Protein backbone atom coordinates (compact mmCIF):
# COMPACT_ATOMS: atom_id res chain seq x y z
CA MET A 1 -3.38 191.27 -68.43
CA SER A 2 -0.70 188.73 -69.01
CA GLU A 3 0.90 187.05 -65.91
CA THR A 4 3.75 188.65 -64.57
CA ILE A 5 6.29 187.64 -61.81
CA PHE A 6 4.23 189.30 -59.13
CA SER A 7 1.34 186.85 -59.88
CA LYS A 8 3.71 183.65 -59.39
CA ILE A 9 4.77 185.69 -56.20
CA ILE A 10 1.27 185.76 -54.80
CA ARG A 11 0.54 182.25 -55.54
CA LYS A 12 4.05 181.44 -53.80
CA GLU A 13 5.18 179.49 -56.73
CA ILE A 14 8.82 181.25 -56.45
CA PRO A 15 10.22 182.63 -53.46
CA ALA A 16 10.17 186.36 -52.20
CA ASP A 17 11.30 187.94 -48.70
CA ILE A 18 7.66 188.60 -47.78
CA VAL A 19 7.36 191.33 -45.14
CA PHE A 20 3.49 191.72 -44.88
CA GLU A 21 0.37 189.85 -45.99
CA ASN A 22 -3.27 189.97 -45.75
CA GLU A 23 -6.28 188.95 -47.64
CA LYS A 24 -6.01 191.85 -50.22
CA VAL A 25 -2.37 193.01 -50.36
CA LEU A 26 1.45 191.26 -50.48
CA ALA A 27 4.53 192.85 -49.74
CA PHE A 28 7.90 191.82 -49.97
CA SER A 29 11.57 193.29 -50.33
CA ASP A 30 12.46 194.44 -53.51
CA ILE A 31 15.48 192.05 -55.39
CA ARG A 32 17.28 195.42 -56.68
CA PRO A 33 16.98 197.89 -53.72
CA GLN A 34 17.27 201.58 -54.42
CA ALA A 35 17.63 202.35 -50.65
CA PRO A 36 18.54 200.42 -47.51
CA ILE A 37 14.60 199.39 -47.02
CA HIS A 38 12.89 198.97 -50.51
CA VAL A 39 9.64 197.19 -50.31
CA LEU A 40 7.04 196.50 -53.06
CA ILE A 41 3.30 196.45 -51.96
CA ILE A 42 1.13 194.92 -54.37
CA PRO A 43 -2.55 193.78 -54.60
CA LYS A 44 -3.67 190.36 -54.71
CA ILE A 45 -5.84 191.21 -57.86
CA GLU A 46 -4.38 192.01 -61.25
CA ILE A 47 -4.39 195.68 -62.28
CA ALA A 48 -1.47 196.17 -64.55
CA THR A 49 -0.91 200.05 -63.88
CA VAL A 50 -2.27 202.89 -61.97
CA SER A 51 -3.96 204.18 -65.05
CA GLU A 52 -6.21 201.23 -64.97
CA LEU A 53 -7.59 202.49 -61.64
CA ASN A 54 -11.11 203.80 -60.90
CA GLY A 55 -10.99 205.96 -57.54
CA LYS A 56 -14.48 204.60 -56.76
CA LEU A 57 -13.77 201.22 -57.29
CA HIS A 58 -10.40 200.93 -55.73
CA ALA A 59 -10.59 203.30 -53.07
CA GLU A 60 -10.51 200.45 -50.39
CA LEU A 61 -7.49 198.32 -51.93
CA LEU A 62 -5.50 201.89 -52.20
CA GLY A 63 -6.07 202.50 -48.70
CA GLU A 64 -4.98 198.50 -47.74
CA MET A 65 -1.79 199.27 -49.62
CA ILE A 66 -1.42 202.53 -47.67
CA ASP A 67 -1.92 200.85 -44.41
CA ALA A 68 0.38 198.13 -45.47
CA ALA A 69 3.27 200.72 -46.38
CA ASN A 70 2.44 202.47 -42.99
CA LYS A 71 2.83 199.16 -40.86
CA ILE A 72 5.82 197.91 -42.72
CA ALA A 73 7.39 201.55 -42.29
CA ALA A 74 6.97 201.44 -38.36
CA ASP A 75 7.86 197.51 -38.35
CA LYS A 76 11.16 198.41 -39.87
CA GLY A 77 11.85 201.66 -37.82
CA ILE A 78 11.34 204.06 -40.41
CA ASP A 79 8.13 205.73 -39.71
CA LYS A 80 9.47 208.59 -37.60
CA SER A 81 12.57 209.57 -39.81
CA GLY A 82 10.25 209.39 -43.10
CA PHE A 83 10.01 207.37 -46.13
CA ARG A 84 8.76 207.60 -49.90
CA LEU A 85 5.75 205.96 -51.35
CA LEU A 86 5.74 205.72 -55.22
CA PHE A 87 4.11 204.57 -58.15
CA ASN A 88 5.49 204.16 -61.39
CA CYS A 89 3.40 204.38 -64.23
CA LYS A 90 4.10 202.75 -67.77
CA ASP A 91 7.38 202.92 -69.78
CA ASP A 92 8.13 206.46 -69.64
CA GLY A 93 7.15 206.43 -65.51
CA GLY A 94 9.73 203.55 -65.05
CA GLN A 95 7.30 200.73 -64.61
CA GLU A 96 9.16 197.11 -65.35
CA VAL A 97 6.60 195.10 -64.26
CA TYR A 98 2.66 195.46 -65.17
CA HIS A 99 1.20 194.44 -62.07
CA LEU A 100 0.39 197.75 -60.06
CA HIS A 101 2.91 198.25 -57.25
CA LEU A 102 3.26 200.51 -54.73
CA HIS A 103 7.39 201.40 -53.48
CA LEU A 104 8.24 201.99 -50.08
CA LEU A 105 11.43 203.47 -49.96
CA GLY A 106 13.37 204.46 -46.69
CA GLY A 107 16.52 203.97 -44.39
CA ARG A 108 18.06 207.19 -45.86
CA LYS A 109 17.71 210.70 -46.83
CA MET A 110 15.47 210.97 -50.25
CA ASN A 111 16.64 213.48 -52.70
CA TRP A 112 14.75 215.53 -55.07
CA PRO A 113 14.12 215.34 -57.83
CA PRO A 114 14.35 211.53 -58.15
CA GLY A 115 15.78 211.20 -61.47
């Protein structure tokens, strides 16, 4: 996998508004928010896209990402009103950065279909 901007954020080589971090994941505010609250949750290991995940191998990591999302939602006060979690996968799925990332969107009513 080629290096991405997210790799540089993990190494703190470029600034980001970090809202959560532990030994396995890092979460920061999206620079082009699509909702009042828009946070990206990324693993600290390099996985390019959802299609590279292996359930048995990556179950714990995915659990860490979901736990981070729930904590951030509570910290941001959207855990009661609701929020959306979203993975984009490859070009047709809307993925722009090829480092796995989970979008946490909230702070407004979400519409369906998303687009």
